[in-house]
Amino acid sequence: IRDKRQNTVQQLGQIEGQVHLMHQQIEKK
């Protein structure tokens, strides 16, 4: 379960990073 949680946290972090990057791209455009 801890391994699964670690993987989920890692995926969630990746999605949040992509959302933040997308916001930056829209604002930049």
PDB file of all heavy atoms in Angstrom:
ATOM      1  N   ILE A   1       0.840  -1.209   0.000  1.00  0.00           N
ATOM      2  CA  ILE A   1       0.000   0.000   0.000  1.00  0.00           C
ATOM      3  C   ILE A   1       0.867   1.246   0.000  1.00  0.00           C
ATOM      4  O   ILE A   1       0.583   2.234  -0.696  1.00  0.00           O
ATOM      5  CB  ILE A   1      -0.952  -0.026   1.219  1.00  0.00           C
ATOM      6  CG1 ILE A   1      -1.993  -1.146   1.046  1.00  0.00           C
ATOM      7  CG2 ILE A   1      -1.653   1.314   1.401  1.00  0.00           C
ATOM      8  CD1 ILE A   1      -2.853  -1.378   2.269  1.00  0.00           C
ATOM      9  N   ARG A   2       1.955   1.211   0.778  1.00  0.00           N
ATOM     10  CA  ARG A   2       2.843   2.375   0.805  1.00  0.00           C
ATOM     11  C   ARG A   2       3.506   2.608  -0.550  1.00  0.00           C
ATOM     12  O   ARG A   2       3.655   3.750  -0.993  1.00  0.00           O
ATOM     13  CB  ARG A   2       3.902   2.186   1.895  1.00  0.00           C
ATOM     14  CG  ARG A   2       3.345   2.360   3.292  1.00  0.00           C
ATOM     15  CD  ARG A   2       4.389   2.079   4.350  1.00  0.00           C
ATOM     16  NE  ARG A   2       3.856   2.346   5.688  1.00  0.00           N
ATOM     17  CZ  ARG A   2       4.516   2.048   6.816  1.00  0.00           C
ATOM     18  NH1 ARG A   2       5.721   1.489   6.751  1.00  0.00           N
ATOM     19  NH2 ARG A   2       3.969   2.323   7.988  1.00  0.00           N
ATOM     20  N   ASP A   3       3.883   1.519  -1.210  1.00  0.00           N
ATOM     21  CA  ASP A   3       4.444   1.678  -2.551  1.00  0.00           C
ATOM     22  C   ASP A   3       3.412   2.281  -3.502  1.00  0.00           C
ATOM     23  O   ASP A   3       3.725   3.163  -4.313  1.00  0.00           O
ATOM     24  CB  ASP A   3       4.909   0.315  -3.079  1.00  0.00           C
ATOM     25  CG  ASP A   3       6.093  -0.216  -2.295  1.00  0.00           C
ATOM     26  OD1 ASP A   3       6.764   0.588  -1.629  1.00  0.00           O
ATOM     27  OD2 ASP A   3       6.337  -1.447  -2.337  1.00  0.00           O
ATOM     28  N   LYS A   4       2.124   1.779  -3.377  1.00  0.00           N
ATOM     29  CA  LYS A   4       1.068   2.311  -4.244  1.00  0.00           C
ATOM     30  C   LYS A   4       0.834   3.792  -3.942  1.00  0.00           C
ATOM     31  O   LYS A   4       0.648   4.618  -4.858  1.00  0.00           O
ATOM     32  CB  LYS A   4      -0.215   1.504  -4.030  1.00  0.00           C
ATOM     33  CG  LYS A   4      -1.316   1.831  -5.039  1.00  0.00           C
ATOM     34  CD  LYS A   4      -2.598   1.086  -4.692  1.00  0.00           C
ATOM     35  CE  LYS A   4      -2.401  -0.425  -4.815  1.00  0.00           C
ATOM     36  NZ  LYS A   4      -3.669  -1.151  -4.538  1.00  0.00           N
ATOM     37  N   ARG A   5       0.845   4.138  -2.637  1.00  0.00           N
ATOM     38  CA  ARG A   5       0.646   5.547  -2.270  1.00  0.00           C
ATOM     39  C   ARG A   5       1.779   6.413  -2.807  1.00  0.00           C
ATOM     40  O   ARG A   5       1.577   7.509  -3.324  1.00  0.00           O
ATOM     41  CB  ARG A   5       0.584   5.678  -0.744  1.00  0.00           C
ATOM     42  CG  ARG A   5       0.250   7.102  -0.275  1.00  0.00           C
ATOM     43  CD  ARG A   5       0.490   7.233   1.209  1.00  0.00           C
ATOM     44  NE  ARG A   5       1.928   7.083   1.492  1.00  0.00           N
ATOM     45  CZ  ARG A   5       2.462   7.164   2.706  1.00  0.00           C
ATOM     46  NH1 ARG A   5       1.689   7.356   3.765  1.00  0.00           N
ATOM     47  NH2 ARG A   5       3.746   7.034   2.863  1.00  0.00           N
ATOM     48  N   GLN A   6       2.997   5.872  -2.730  1.00  0.00           N
ATOM     49  CA  GLN A   6       4.139   6.636  -3.229  1.00  0.00           C
ATOM     50  C   GLN A   6       4.012   6.884  -4.730  1.00  0.00           C
ATOM     51  O   GLN A   6       4.262   7.988  -5.218  1.00  0.00           O
ATOM     52  CB  GLN A   6       5.446   5.877  -2.921  1.00  0.00           C
ATOM     53  CG  GLN A   6       6.704   6.630  -3.288  1.00  0.00           C
ATOM     54  CD  GLN A   6       6.918   7.849  -2.416  1.00  0.00           C
ATOM     55  OE1 GLN A   6       6.398   7.922  -1.301  1.00  0.00           O
ATOM     56  NE2 GLN A   6       7.622   8.820  -2.954  1.00  0.00           N
ATOM     57  N   ASN A   7       3.585   5.842  -5.458  1.00  0.00           N
ATOM     58  CA  ASN A   7       3.408   5.996  -6.907  1.00  0.00           C
ATOM     59  C   ASN A   7       2.314   7.006  -7.213  1.00  0.00           C
ATOM     60  O   ASN A   7       2.428   7.829  -8.136  1.00  0.00           O
ATOM     61  CB  ASN A   7       3.076   4.647  -7.534  1.00  0.00           C
ATOM     62  CG  ASN A   7       4.238   3.681  -7.451  1.00  0.00           C
ATOM     63  OD1 ASN A   7       5.397   4.109  -7.421  1.00  0.00           O
ATOM     64  ND2 ASN A   7       3.956   2.389  -7.405  1.00  0.00           N
ATOM     65  N   THR A   8       1.183   6.951  -6.420  1.00  0.00           N
ATOM     66  CA  THR A   8       0.069   7.886  -6.657  1.00  0.00           C
ATOM     67  C   THR A   8       0.502   9.314  -6.373  1.00  0.00           C
ATOM     68  O   THR A   8       0.166  10.243  -7.118  1.00  0.00           O
ATOM     69  CB  THR A   8      -1.126   7.497  -5.763  1.00  0.00           C
ATOM     70  OG1 THR A   8      -1.472   6.131  -6.009  1.00  0.00           O
ATOM     71  CG2 THR A   8      -2.336   8.356  -6.061  1.00  0.00           C
ATOM     72  N   VAL A   9       1.227   9.490  -5.250  1.00  0.00           N
ATOM     73  CA  VAL A   9       1.721  10.839  -4.921  1.00  0.00           C
ATOM     74  C   VAL A   9       2.636  11.351  -6.024  1.00  0.00           C
ATOM     75  O   VAL A   9       2.588  12.523  -6.404  1.00  0.00           O
ATOM     76  CB  VAL A   9       2.458  10.810  -3.564  1.00  0.00           C
ATOM     77  CG1 VAL A   9       3.193  12.120  -3.327  1.00  0.00           C
ATOM     78  CG2 VAL A   9       1.463  10.552  -2.436  1.00  0.00           C
ATOM     79  N   GLN A  10       3.461  10.449  -6.558  1.00  0.00           N
ATOM     80  CA  GLN A  10       4.366  10.850  -7.635  1.00  0.00           C
ATOM     81  C   GLN A  10       3.577  11.263  -8.879  1.00  0.00           C
ATOM     82  O   GLN A  10       3.873  12.283  -9.503  1.00  0.00           O
ATOM     83  CB  GLN A  10       5.321   9.687  -7.949  1.00  0.00           C
ATOM     84  CG  GLN A  10       6.403  10.058  -8.944  1.00  0.00           C
ATOM     85  CD  GLN A  10       7.364   8.911  -9.155  1.00  0.00           C
ATOM     86  OE1 GLN A  10       7.193   7.863  -8.554  1.00  0.00           O
ATOM     87  NE2 GLN A  10       8.354   9.123  -9.986  1.00  0.00           N
ATOM     88  N   GLN A  11       2.526  10.482  -9.246  1.00  0.00           N
ATOM     89  CA  GLN A  11       1.706  10.831 -10.417  1.00  0.00           C
ATOM     90  C   GLN A  11       0.970  12.140 -10.185  1.00  0.00           C
ATOM     91  O   GLN A  11       0.868  12.984 -11.081  1.00  0.00           O
ATOM     92  CB  GLN A  11       0.718   9.703 -10.711  1.00  0.00           C
ATOM     93  CG  GLN A  11       1.392   8.412 -11.179  1.00  0.00           C
ATOM     94  CD  GLN A  11       0.399   7.278 -11.370  1.00  0.00           C
ATOM     95  OE1 GLN A  11      -0.810   7.471 -11.203  1.00  0.00           O
ATOM     96  NE2 GLN A  11       0.910   6.101 -11.710  1.00  0.00           N
ATOM     97  N   LEU A  12       0.398  12.320  -8.950  1.00  0.00           N
ATOM     98  CA  LEU A  12      -0.316  13.563  -8.638  1.00  0.00           C
ATOM     99  C   LEU A  12       0.627  14.766  -8.729  1.00  0.00           C
ATOM    100  O   LEU A  12       0.252  15.829  -9.235  1.00  0.00           O
ATOM    101  CB  LEU A  12      -0.919  13.464  -7.228  1.00  0.00           C
ATOM    102  CG  LEU A  12      -1.757  14.680  -6.758  1.00  0.00           C
ATOM    103  CD1 LEU A  12      -2.919  14.924  -7.716  1.00  0.00           C
ATOM    104  CD2 LEU A  12      -2.278  14.450  -5.334  1.00  0.00           C
ATOM    105  N   GLY A  13       1.865  14.562  -8.256  1.00  0.00           N
ATOM    106  CA  GLY A  13       2.837  15.650  -8.361  1.00  0.00           C
ATOM    107  C   GLY A  13       3.129  16.004  -9.814  1.00  0.00           C
ATOM    108  O   GLY A  13       3.274  17.175 -10.170  1.00  0.00           O
ATOM    109  N   GLN A  14       3.240  14.942 -10.648  1.00  0.00           N
ATOM    110  CA  GLN A  14       3.471  15.207 -12.073  1.00  0.00           C
ATOM    111  C   GLN A  14       2.321  15.988 -12.694  1.00  0.00           C
ATOM    112  O   GLN A  14       2.523  16.929 -13.471  1.00  0.00           O
ATOM    113  CB  GLN A  14       3.682  13.887 -12.813  1.00  0.00           C
ATOM    114  CG  GLN A  14       4.963  13.164 -12.429  1.00  0.00           C
ATOM    115  CD  GLN A  14       5.092  11.820 -13.116  1.00  0.00           C
ATOM    116  OE1 GLN A  14       4.169  11.424 -13.834  1.00  0.00           O
ATOM    117  NE2 GLN A  14       6.189  11.149 -12.889  1.00  0.00           N
ATOM    118  N   ILE A  15       1.026  15.602 -12.343  1.00  0.00           N
ATOM    119  CA  ILE A  15      -0.150  16.304 -12.904  1.00  0.00           C
ATOM    120  C   ILE A  15      -0.162  17.750 -12.428  1.00  0.00           C
ATOM    121  O   ILE A  15      -0.430  18.676 -13.209  1.00  0.00           O
ATOM    122  CB  ILE A  15      -1.435  15.565 -12.501  1.00  0.00           C
ATOM    123  CG1 ILE A  15      -1.485  14.192 -13.212  1.00  0.00           C
ATOM    124  CG2 ILE A  15      -2.671  16.383 -12.851  1.00  0.00           C
ATOM    125  CD1 ILE A  15      -2.609  13.297 -12.741  1.00  0.00           C
ATOM    126  N   GLU A  16       0.099  17.969 -11.139  1.00  0.00           N
ATOM    127  CA  GLU A  16       0.112  19.337 -10.629  1.00  0.00           C
ATOM    128  C   GLU A  16       1.190  20.169 -11.329  1.00  0.00           C
ATOM    129  O   GLU A  16       0.988  21.345 -11.640  1.00  0.00           O
ATOM    130  CB  GLU A  16       0.363  19.333  -9.123  1.00  0.00           C
ATOM    131  CG  GLU A  16      -0.824  18.795  -8.323  1.00  0.00           C
ATOM    132  CD  GLU A  16      -0.519  18.728  -6.837  1.00  0.00           C
ATOM    133  OE1 GLU A  16       0.657  18.959  -6.486  1.00  0.00           O
ATOM    134  OE2 GLU A  16      -1.438  18.441  -6.052  1.00  0.00           O
ATOM    135  N   GLY A  17       2.330  19.528 -11.587  1.00  0.00           N
ATOM    136  CA  GLY A  17       3.371  20.257 -12.308  1.00  0.00           C
ATOM    137  C   GLY A  17       2.927  20.632 -13.716  1.00  0.00           C
ATOM    138  O   GLY A  17       3.184  21.737 -14.199  1.00  0.00           O
ATOM    139  N   GLN A  18       2.220  19.674 -14.382  1.00  0.00           N
ATOM    140  CA  GLN A  18       1.732  19.969 -15.735  1.00  0.00           C
ATOM    141  C   GLN A  18       0.687  21.076 -15.706  1.00  0.00           C
ATOM    142  O   GLN A  18       0.652  21.943 -16.591  1.00  0.00           O
ATOM    143  CB  GLN A  18       1.159  18.692 -16.360  1.00  0.00           C
ATOM    144  CG  GLN A  18       2.212  17.638 -16.652  1.00  0.00           C
ATOM    145  CD  GLN A  18       1.609  16.354 -17.191  1.00  0.00           C
ATOM    146  OE1 GLN A  18       0.383  16.251 -17.342  1.00  0.00           O
ATOM    147  NE2 GLN A  18       2.464  15.389 -17.474  1.00  0.00           N
ATOM    148  N   VAL A  19      -0.250  21.063 -14.686  1.00  0.00           N
ATOM    149  CA  VAL A  19      -1.275  22.123 -14.573  1.00  0.00           C
ATOM    150  C   VAL A  19      -0.606  23.476 -14.379  1.00  0.00           C
ATOM    151  O   VAL A  19      -0.966  24.472 -15.015  1.00  0.00           O
ATOM    152  CB  VAL A  19      -2.224  21.797 -13.404  1.00  0.00           C
ATOM    153  CG1 VAL A  19      -3.126  23.002 -13.090  1.00  0.00           C
ATOM    154  CG2 VAL A  19      -3.085  20.586 -13.736  1.00  0.00           C
ATOM    155  N   HIS A  20       0.424  23.486 -13.476  1.00  0.00           N
ATOM    156  CA  HIS A  20       1.114  24.742 -13.240  1.00  0.00           C
ATOM    157  C   HIS A  20       1.811  25.239 -14.505  1.00  0.00           C
ATOM    158  O   HIS A  20       1.771  26.427 -14.846  1.00  0.00           O
ATOM    159  CB  HIS A  20       2.129  24.548 -12.112  1.00  0.00           C
ATOM    160  CG  HIS A  20       2.904  25.787 -11.754  1.00  0.00           C
ATOM    161  ND1 HIS A  20       2.320  26.898 -11.172  1.00  0.00           N
ATOM    162  CD2 HIS A  20       4.223  26.078 -11.937  1.00  0.00           C
ATOM    163  CE1 HIS A  20       3.233  27.824 -11.009  1.00  0.00           C
ATOM    164  NE2 HIS A  20       4.409  27.338 -11.456  1.00  0.00           N
ATOM    165  N   LEU A  21       2.394  24.272 -15.241  1.00  0.00           N
ATOM    166  CA  LEU A  21       3.052  24.642 -16.490  1.00  0.00           C
ATOM    167  C   LEU A  21       2.064  25.167 -17.510  1.00  0.00           C
ATOM    168  O   LEU A  21       2.333  26.131 -18.233  1.00  0.00           O
ATOM    169  CB  LEU A  21       3.808  23.414 -17.032  1.00  0.00           C
ATOM    170  CG  LEU A  21       4.558  23.626 -18.341  1.00  0.00           C
ATOM    171  CD1 LEU A  21       5.634  24.700 -18.179  1.00  0.00           C
ATOM    172  CD2 LEU A  21       5.169  22.301 -18.819  1.00  0.00           C
ATOM    173  N   MET A  22       0.858  24.539 -17.558  1.00  0.00           N
ATOM    174  CA  MET A  22      -0.169  24.982 -18.515  1.00  0.00           C
ATOM    175  C   MET A  22      -0.649  26.394 -18.170  1.00  0.00           C
ATOM    176  O   MET A  22      -0.851  27.227 -19.056  1.00  0.00           O
ATOM    177  CB  MET A  22      -1.326  23.982 -18.519  1.00  0.00           C
ATOM    178  CG  MET A  22      -2.317  24.210 -19.646  1.00  0.00           C
ATOM    179  SD  MET A  22      -1.494  24.128 -21.268  1.00  0.00           S
ATOM    180  CE  MET A  22      -0.980  22.434 -21.263  1.00  0.00           C
ATOM    181  N   HIS A  23      -0.850  26.674 -16.865  1.00  0.00           N
ATOM    182  CA  HIS A  23      -1.224  28.023 -16.442  1.00  0.00           C
ATOM    183  C   HIS A  23      -0.163  29.034 -16.889  1.00  0.00           C
ATOM    184  O   HIS A  23      -0.489  30.128 -17.382  1.00  0.00           O
ATOM    185  CB  HIS A  23      -1.388  28.070 -14.918  1.00  0.00           C
ATOM    186  CG  HIS A  23      -2.744  27.582 -14.439  1.00  0.00           C
ATOM    187  ND1 HIS A  23      -3.926  28.227 -14.725  1.00  0.00           N
ATOM    188  CD2 HIS A  23      -3.078  26.485 -13.700  1.00  0.00           C
ATOM    189  CE1 HIS A  23      -4.947  27.572 -14.181  1.00  0.00           C
ATOM    190  NE2 HIS A  23      -4.448  26.485 -13.546  1.00  0.00           N
ATOM    191  N   GLN A  24       1.087  28.643 -16.712  1.00  0.00           N
ATOM    192  CA  GLN A  24       2.158  29.555 -17.115  1.00  0.00           C
ATOM    193  C   GLN A  24       2.144  29.794 -18.618  1.00  0.00           C
ATOM    194  O   GLN A  24       2.340  30.914 -19.087  1.00  0.00           O
ATOM    195  CB  GLN A  24       3.507  28.980 -16.689  1.00  0.00           C
ATOM    196  CG  GLN A  24       3.763  29.026 -15.189  1.00  0.00           C
ATOM    197  CD  GLN A  24       5.124  28.465 -14.822  1.00  0.00           C
ATOM    198  OE1 GLN A  24       5.774  27.865 -15.673  1.00  0.00           O
ATOM    199  NE2 GLN A  24       5.527  28.677 -13.579  1.00  0.00           N
ATOM    200  N   GLN A  25       1.873  28.711 -19.384  1.00  0.00           N
ATOM    201  CA  GLN A  25       1.824  28.876 -20.835  1.00  0.00           C
ATOM    202  C   GLN A  25       0.682  29.802 -21.265  1.00  0.00           C
ATOM    203  O   GLN A  25       0.848  30.650 -22.141  1.00  0.00           O
ATOM    204  CB  GLN A  25       1.692  27.510 -21.513  1.00  0.00           C
ATOM    205  CG  GLN A  25       2.942  26.650 -21.384  1.00  0.00           C
ATOM    206  CD  GLN A  25       2.772  25.292 -22.040  1.00  0.00           C
ATOM    207  OE1 GLN A  25       1.676  24.972 -22.523  1.00  0.00           O
ATOM    208  NE2 GLN A  25       3.839  24.515 -22.035  1.00  0.00           N
ATOM    209  N   ILE A  26      -0.526  29.587 -20.642  1.00  0.00           N
ATOM    210  CA  ILE A  26      -1.671  30.446 -21.002  1.00  0.00           C
ATOM    211  C   ILE A  26      -1.370  31.895 -20.655  1.00  0.00           C
ATOM    212  O   ILE A  26      -1.585  32.821 -21.451  1.00  0.00           O
ATOM    213  CB  ILE A  26      -2.943  29.955 -20.284  1.00  0.00           C
ATOM    214  CG1 ILE A  26      -3.356  28.573 -20.849  1.00  0.00           C
ATOM    215  CG2 ILE A  26      -4.079  30.959 -20.430  1.00  0.00           C
ATOM    216  CD1 ILE A  26      -4.470  27.917 -20.070  1.00  0.00           C
ATOM    217  N   GLU A  27      -0.843  32.126 -19.448  1.00  0.00           N
ATOM    218  CA  GLU A  27      -0.534  33.488 -19.019  1.00  0.00           C
ATOM    219  C   GLU A  27       0.524  34.114 -19.910  1.00  0.00           C
ATOM    220  O   GLU A  27       0.448  35.289 -20.290  1.00  0.00           O
ATOM    221  CB  GLU A  27      -0.060  33.467 -17.569  1.00  0.00           C
ATOM    222  CG  GLU A  27       0.169  34.859 -16.997  1.00  0.00           C
ATOM    223  CD  GLU A  27       0.586  34.774 -15.535  1.00  0.00           C
ATOM    224  OE1 GLU A  27       0.600  33.654 -14.967  1.00  0.00           O
ATOM    225  OE2 GLU A  27       0.904  35.835 -14.958  1.00  0.00           O
ATOM    226  N   LYS A  28       1.495  33.296 -20.293  1.00  0.00           N
ATOM    227  CA  LYS A  28       2.540  33.798 -21.160  1.00  0.00           C
ATOM    228  C   LYS A  28       1.993  34.172 -22.522  1.00  0.00           C
ATOM    229  O   LYS A  28       2.349  35.199 -23.106  1.00  0.00           O
ATOM    230  CB  LYS A  28       3.639  32.726 -21.285  1.00  0.00           C
ATOM    231  CG  LYS A  28       4.833  33.180 -22.092  1.00  0.00           C
ATOM    232  CD  LYS A  28       5.884  32.081 -22.117  1.00  0.00           C
ATOM    233  CE  LYS A  28       7.093  32.517 -22.914  1.00  0.00           C
ATOM    234  NZ  LYS A  28       8.117  31.449 -22.982  1.00  0.00           N
ATOM    235  N   LYS A  29       1.085  33.320 -23.059  1.00  0.00           N
ATOM    236  CA  LYS A  29       0.493  33.598 -24.377  1.00  0.00           C
ATOM    237  C   LYS A  29      -0.345  34.852 -24.346  1.00  0.00           C
ATOM    238  O   LYS A  29      -0.315  35.698 -25.252  1.00  0.00           O
ATOM    239  CB  LYS A  29      -0.332  32.391 -24.818  1.00  0.00           C
ATOM    240  CG  LYS A  29      -0.757  32.450 -26.266  1.00  0.00           C
ATOM    241  CD  LYS A  29      -1.384  31.126 -26.680  1.00  0.00           C
ATOM    242  CE  LYS A  29      -1.724  31.133 -28.162  1.00  0.00           C
ATOM    243  NZ  LYS A  29      -2.349  29.864 -28.581  1.00  0.00           N
TER     244      LYS A  29
END
